[in-house]
Amino acid sequence: MSGRASATAAFEEKVVERSSLGERLRVRRARGERIVFTNGCFDLLHPGHVSVLEFAKSKGEVLVVAINTDRSVKGLKGPGRPVMNDRERAAMLGALECVDYVTMFGDATPVRLLKKLKPDVLVKGASYGHAGVVGHDVVEGYGGRVELAPMVTGASTS
């Protein structure tokens, strides 16, 4: 197998279905590892995204990135979006060293996923403000915390 093929297999293993992600996180949590969660469309990966992801990884041992499905992105961002389909977006995120798992969700918000996975830390960009972080009440309700990543000026696709 070539180096390229093995690298592809390695990042594809990071893309997991919601149904199996809970068990993987249970094992990691049993080892004493902190689970960090962030979410978004990640429709054109840019330096702002990478900065948030690296910040998120610094807050624990396991970084889970949940991305909106194509249908969900279209509902949030309008026609013509997403630019890249969910499989492509998941593969790009999985290729980043700081990302441990990528999963997809089709709801307008990640609240159901947060309730299921119960991450120790929820990270979003500082532009949201604490009260604007969807799911902050869920995470803090079971003892988790919210961290706001510093923003990179001028780095956004919206």
C-alpha atoms as a PDB file:
ATOM      1  CA  MET A   1       0.000   0.000   0.000  1.00  0.00           C
ATOM      2  CA  SER A   2       1.378   3.447  -0.870  1.00  0.00           C
ATOM      3  CA  GLY A   3       1.855   6.193   1.715  1.00  0.00           C
ATOM      4  CA  ARG A   4      -1.026   8.111   0.140  1.00  0.00           C
ATOM      5  CA  ALA A   5      -3.420   5.165   0.454  1.00  0.00           C
ATOM      6  CA  SER A   6      -2.530   4.594   4.102  1.00  0.00           C
ATOM      7  CA  ALA A   7      -2.939   8.301   4.897  1.00  0.00           C
ATOM      8  CA  THR A   8      -6.380   8.253   3.284  1.00  0.00           C
ATOM      9  CA  ALA A   9      -7.399   5.230   5.341  1.00  0.00           C
ATOM     10  CA  ALA A  10      -6.156   6.890   8.536  1.00  0.00           C
ATOM     11  CA  PHE A  11      -8.308   9.990   8.186  1.00  0.00           C
ATOM     12  CA  GLU A  12     -11.318   8.071   6.918  1.00  0.00           C
ATOM     13  CA  GLU A  13     -11.239   6.086  10.178  1.00  0.00           C
ATOM     14  CA  LYS A  14     -11.855   9.364  12.010  1.00  0.00           C
ATOM     15  CA  VAL A  15     -15.201   9.854  10.250  1.00  0.00           C
ATOM     16  CA  VAL A  16     -17.689   7.919  12.360  1.00  0.00           C
ATOM     17  CA  GLU A  17     -21.427   7.451  12.524  1.00  0.00           C
ATOM     18  CA  ARG A  18     -23.197   8.960  15.523  1.00  0.00           C
ATOM     19  CA  SER A  19     -24.350   5.466  16.481  1.00  0.00           C
ATOM     20  CA  SER A  20     -20.794   4.215  17.130  1.00  0.00           C
ATOM     21  CA  LEU A  21     -19.275   7.475  18.351  1.00  0.00           C
ATOM     22  CA  GLY A  22     -20.830   7.196  21.811  1.00  0.00           C
ATOM     23  CA  GLU A  23     -19.109   3.871  22.476  1.00  0.00           C
ATOM     24  CA  ARG A  24     -15.741   5.148  21.242  1.00  0.00           C
ATOM     25  CA  LEU A  25     -16.025   8.145  23.543  1.00  0.00           C
ATOM     26  CA  ARG A  26     -17.045   5.950  26.467  1.00  0.00           C
ATOM     27  CA  VAL A  27     -13.789   3.998  26.075  1.00  0.00           C
ATOM     28  CA  ARG A  28     -11.725   7.182  25.826  1.00  0.00           C
ATOM     29  CA  ARG A  29     -13.491   8.724  28.826  1.00  0.00           C
ATOM     30  CA  ALA A  30     -12.811   5.550  30.856  1.00  0.00           C
ATOM     31  CA  ARG A  31      -9.100   6.176  30.203  1.00  0.00           C
ATOM     32  CA  GLY A  32      -9.485   9.578  31.855  1.00  0.00           C
ATOM     33  CA  GLU A  33      -9.453  11.545  28.609  1.00  0.00           C
ATOM     34  CA  ARG A  34     -11.471  14.773  28.366  1.00  0.00           C
ATOM     35  CA  ILE A  35     -13.868  14.994  25.430  1.00  0.00           C
ATOM     36  CA  VAL A  36     -14.040  18.323  23.584  1.00  0.00           C
ATOM     37  CA  PHE A  37     -16.799  19.063  21.066  1.00  0.00           C
ATOM     38  CA  THR A  38     -17.269  21.699  18.422  1.00  0.00           C
ATOM     39  CA  ASN A  39     -19.605  21.908  15.477  1.00  0.00           C
ATOM     40  CA  GLY A  40     -20.328  23.821  12.328  1.00  0.00           C
ATOM     41  CA  CYS A  41     -20.757  23.695   8.580  1.00  0.00           C
ATOM     42  CA  PHE A  42     -17.019  23.918   7.776  1.00  0.00           C
ATOM     43  CA  ASP A  43     -18.037  24.596   4.202  1.00  0.00           C
ATOM     44  CA  LEU A  44     -14.752  26.042   2.997  1.00  0.00           C
ATOM     45  CA  LEU A  45     -11.987  25.293   5.429  1.00  0.00           C
ATOM     46  CA  HIS A  46     -10.103  28.502   6.259  1.00  0.00           C
ATOM     47  CA  PRO A  47      -7.542  29.722   8.832  1.00  0.00           C
ATOM     48  CA  GLY A  48     -10.298  30.753  11.246  1.00  0.00           C
ATOM     49  CA  HIS A  49     -11.621  27.190  11.317  1.00  0.00           C
ATOM     50  CA  VAL A  50      -8.156  25.754  11.868  1.00  0.00           C
ATOM     51  CA  SER A  51      -7.513  28.205  14.701  1.00  0.00           C
ATOM     52  CA  VAL A  52     -10.765  27.225  16.456  1.00  0.00           C
ATOM     53  CA  LEU A  53     -10.003  23.524  16.005  1.00  0.00           C
ATOM     54  CA  GLU A  54      -6.489  23.841  17.415  1.00  0.00           C
ATOM     55  CA  PHE A  55      -7.818  25.880  20.342  1.00  0.00           C
ATOM     56  CA  ALA A  56     -10.478  23.220  20.943  1.00  0.00           C
ATOM     57  CA  LYS A  57      -7.922  20.409  20.935  1.00  0.00           C
ATOM     58  CA  SER A  58      -5.877  22.284  23.558  1.00  0.00           C
ATOM     59  CA  LYS A  59      -8.822  21.968  25.959  1.00  0.00           C
ATOM     60  CA  GLY A  60      -8.780  18.170  26.168  1.00  0.00           C
ATOM     61  CA  GLU A  61      -7.443  14.929  24.800  1.00  0.00           C
ATOM     62  CA  VAL A  62     -10.204  14.003  22.319  1.00  0.00           C
ATOM     63  CA  LEU A  63     -11.657  16.443  19.793  1.00  0.00           C
ATOM     64  CA  VAL A  64     -15.002  15.619  18.202  1.00  0.00           C
ATOM     65  CA  VAL A  65     -16.100  17.799  15.291  1.00  0.00           C
ATOM     66  CA  ALA A  66     -19.756  17.529  14.301  1.00  0.00           C
ATOM     67  CA  ILE A  67     -20.622  18.897  10.878  1.00  0.00           C
ATOM     68  CA  ASN A  68     -23.996  19.798   9.474  1.00  0.00           C
ATOM     69  CA  THR A  69     -25.247  17.503   6.720  1.00  0.00           C
ATOM     70  CA  ASP A  70     -25.718  18.978   3.260  1.00  0.00           C
ATOM     71  CA  ARG A  71     -29.469  19.381   3.804  1.00  0.00           C
ATOM     72  CA  SER A  72     -28.871  21.110   7.120  1.00  0.00           C
ATOM     73  CA  VAL A  73     -26.310  23.512   5.596  1.00  0.00           C
ATOM     74  CA  LYS A  74     -28.721  24.397   2.782  1.00  0.00           C
ATOM     75  CA  GLY A  75     -31.387  25.181   5.378  1.00  0.00           C
ATOM     76  CA  LEU A  76     -29.009  27.366   7.398  1.00  0.00           C
ATOM     77  CA  LYS A  77     -27.053  29.083   4.615  1.00  0.00           C
ATOM     78  CA  GLY A  78     -29.475  29.033   1.666  1.00  0.00           C
ATOM     79  CA  PRO A  79     -29.338  27.847  -1.941  1.00  0.00           C
ATOM     80  CA  GLY A  80     -25.916  27.287  -3.421  1.00  0.00           C
ATOM     81  CA  ARG A  81     -24.549  25.958  -0.159  1.00  0.00           C
ATOM     82  CA  PRO A  82     -22.797  23.854   0.773  1.00  0.00           C
ATOM     83  CA  VAL A  83     -19.989  24.389  -1.705  1.00  0.00           C
ATOM     84  CA  MET A  84     -18.473  21.025  -0.742  1.00  0.00           C
ATOM     85  CA  ASN A  85     -20.585  17.998   0.164  1.00  0.00           C
ATOM     86  CA  ASP A  86     -20.615  16.556   3.670  1.00  0.00           C
ATOM     87  CA  ARG A  87     -18.326  13.624   2.803  1.00  0.00           C
ATOM     88  CA  GLU A  88     -15.703  15.993   1.387  1.00  0.00           C
ATOM     89  CA  ARG A  89     -15.965  18.304   4.384  1.00  0.00           C
ATOM     90  CA  ALA A  90     -15.676  15.364   6.789  1.00  0.00           C
ATOM     91  CA  ALA A  91     -12.618  14.016   4.951  1.00  0.00           C
ATOM     92  CA  MET A  92     -10.848  17.381   5.091  1.00  0.00           C
ATOM     93  CA  LEU A  93     -11.482  17.742   8.799  1.00  0.00           C
ATOM     94  CA  GLY A  94     -10.428  14.159   9.450  1.00  0.00           C
ATOM     95  CA  ALA A  95      -7.121  14.866   7.729  1.00  0.00           C
ATOM     96  CA  LEU A  96      -6.248  17.459  10.384  1.00  0.00           C
ATOM     97  CA  GLU A  97      -4.007  16.135  13.130  1.00  0.00           C
ATOM     98  CA  CYS A  98      -5.893  17.974  15.883  1.00  0.00           C
ATOM     99  CA  VAL A  99      -9.208  16.269  15.006  1.00  0.00           C
ATOM    100  CA  ASP A 100      -9.898  12.843  16.516  1.00  0.00           C
ATOM    101  CA  TYR A 101     -13.439  12.172  15.275  1.00  0.00           C
ATOM    102  CA  VAL A 102     -15.799  13.724  12.746  1.00  0.00           C
ATOM    103  CA  THR A 103     -19.504  12.982  12.698  1.00  0.00           C
ATOM    104  CA  MET A 104     -22.522  14.507  10.956  1.00  0.00           C
ATOM    105  CA  PHE A 105     -25.835  15.770  12.209  1.00  0.00           C
ATOM    106  CA  GLY A 106     -28.929  16.807  10.283  1.00  0.00           C
ATOM    107  CA  ASP A 107     -30.722  18.864  12.922  1.00  0.00           C
ATOM    108  CA  ALA A 108     -30.651  22.658  12.859  1.00  0.00           C
ATOM    109  CA  THR A 109     -28.671  22.558  16.126  1.00  0.00           C
ATOM    110  CA  PRO A 110     -26.354  20.016  17.787  1.00  0.00           C
ATOM    111  CA  VAL A 111     -28.415  19.875  20.999  1.00  0.00           C
ATOM    112  CA  ARG A 112     -29.553  16.244  20.604  1.00  0.00           C
ATOM    113  CA  LEU A 113     -25.983  15.198  19.852  1.00  0.00           C
ATOM    114  CA  LEU A 114     -24.657  17.104  22.884  1.00  0.00           C
ATOM    115  CA  LYS A 115     -27.220  15.361  25.111  1.00  0.00           C
ATOM    116  CA  LYS A 116     -26.103  11.990  23.756  1.00  0.00           C
ATOM    117  CA  LEU A 117     -22.321  12.496  23.798  1.00  0.00           C
ATOM    118  CA  LYS A 118     -22.041  14.703  26.909  1.00  0.00           C
ATOM    119  CA  PRO A 119     -18.683  16.278  26.066  1.00  0.00           C
ATOM    120  CA  ASP A 120     -16.643  17.753  28.908  1.00  0.00           C
ATOM    121  CA  VAL A 121     -15.990  20.932  26.934  1.00  0.00           C
ATOM    122  CA  LEU A 122     -17.991  22.685  24.212  1.00  0.00           C
ATOM    123  CA  VAL A 123     -15.951  25.097  22.065  1.00  0.00           C
ATOM    124  CA  LYS A 124     -17.210  27.776  19.699  1.00  0.00           C
ATOM    125  CA  GLY A 125     -15.695  30.950  18.289  1.00  0.00           C
ATOM    126  CA  ALA A 126     -15.748  34.012  20.536  1.00  0.00           C
ATOM    127  CA  SER A 127     -18.013  35.870  18.094  1.00  0.00           C
ATOM    128  CA  TYR A 128     -20.947  33.832  19.438  1.00  0.00           C
ATOM    129  CA  GLY A 129     -20.553  35.076  23.008  1.00  0.00           C
ATOM    130  CA  HIS A 130     -21.336  32.656  25.822  1.00  0.00           C
ATOM    131  CA  ALA A 131     -25.099  33.121  25.678  1.00  0.00           C
ATOM    132  CA  GLY A 132     -25.050  32.640  21.898  1.00  0.00           C
ATOM    133  CA  VAL A 133     -23.421  29.208  22.053  1.00  0.00           C
ATOM    134  CA  VAL A 134     -26.190  26.757  21.212  1.00  0.00           C
ATOM    135  CA  GLY A 135     -26.182  23.976  23.791  1.00  0.00           C
ATOM    136  CA  HIS A 136     -24.275  25.856  26.494  1.00  0.00           C
ATOM    137  CA  ASP A 137     -27.135  25.213  28.908  1.00  0.00           C
ATOM    138  CA  VAL A 138     -27.109  21.488  28.118  1.00  0.00           C
ATOM    139  CA  VAL A 139     -23.354  21.106  28.628  1.00  0.00           C
ATOM    140  CA  GLU A 140     -23.224  23.232  31.762  1.00  0.00           C
ATOM    141  CA  GLY A 141     -26.308  21.431  33.079  1.00  0.00           C
ATOM    142  CA  TYR A 142     -24.375  18.167  33.504  1.00  0.00           C
ATOM    143  CA  GLY A 143     -21.186  19.853  34.725  1.00  0.00           C
ATOM    144  CA  GLY A 144     -19.342  20.519  31.473  1.00  0.00           C
ATOM    145  CA  ARG A 145     -17.990  23.877  30.428  1.00  0.00           C
ATOM    146  CA  VAL A 146     -18.002  26.205  27.443  1.00  0.00           C
ATOM    147  CA  GLU A 147     -14.811  27.729  26.029  1.00  0.00           C
ATOM    148  CA  LEU A 148     -14.734  30.537  23.481  1.00  0.00           C
ATOM    149  CA  ALA A 149     -11.940  30.405  20.912  1.00  0.00           C
ATOM    150  CA  PRO A 150     -10.297  33.687  19.907  1.00  0.00           C
ATOM    151  CA  MET A 151     -11.381  34.848  16.473  1.00  0.00           C
ATOM    152  CA  VAL A 152      -9.060  35.264  13.486  1.00  0.00           C
ATOM    153  CA  THR A 153      -9.868  38.633  11.894  1.00  0.00           C
ATOM    154  CA  GLY A 154     -11.184  38.417   8.351  1.00  0.00           C
ATOM    155  CA  ALA A 155     -11.423  34.615   8.284  1.00  0.00           C
ATOM    156  CA  SER A 156     -15.011  33.634   7.528  1.00  0.00           C
ATOM    157  CA  THR A 157     -16.992  32.207   4.645  1.00  0.00           C
ATOM    158  CA  SER A 158     -20.318  33.776   5.652  1.00  0.00           C
END
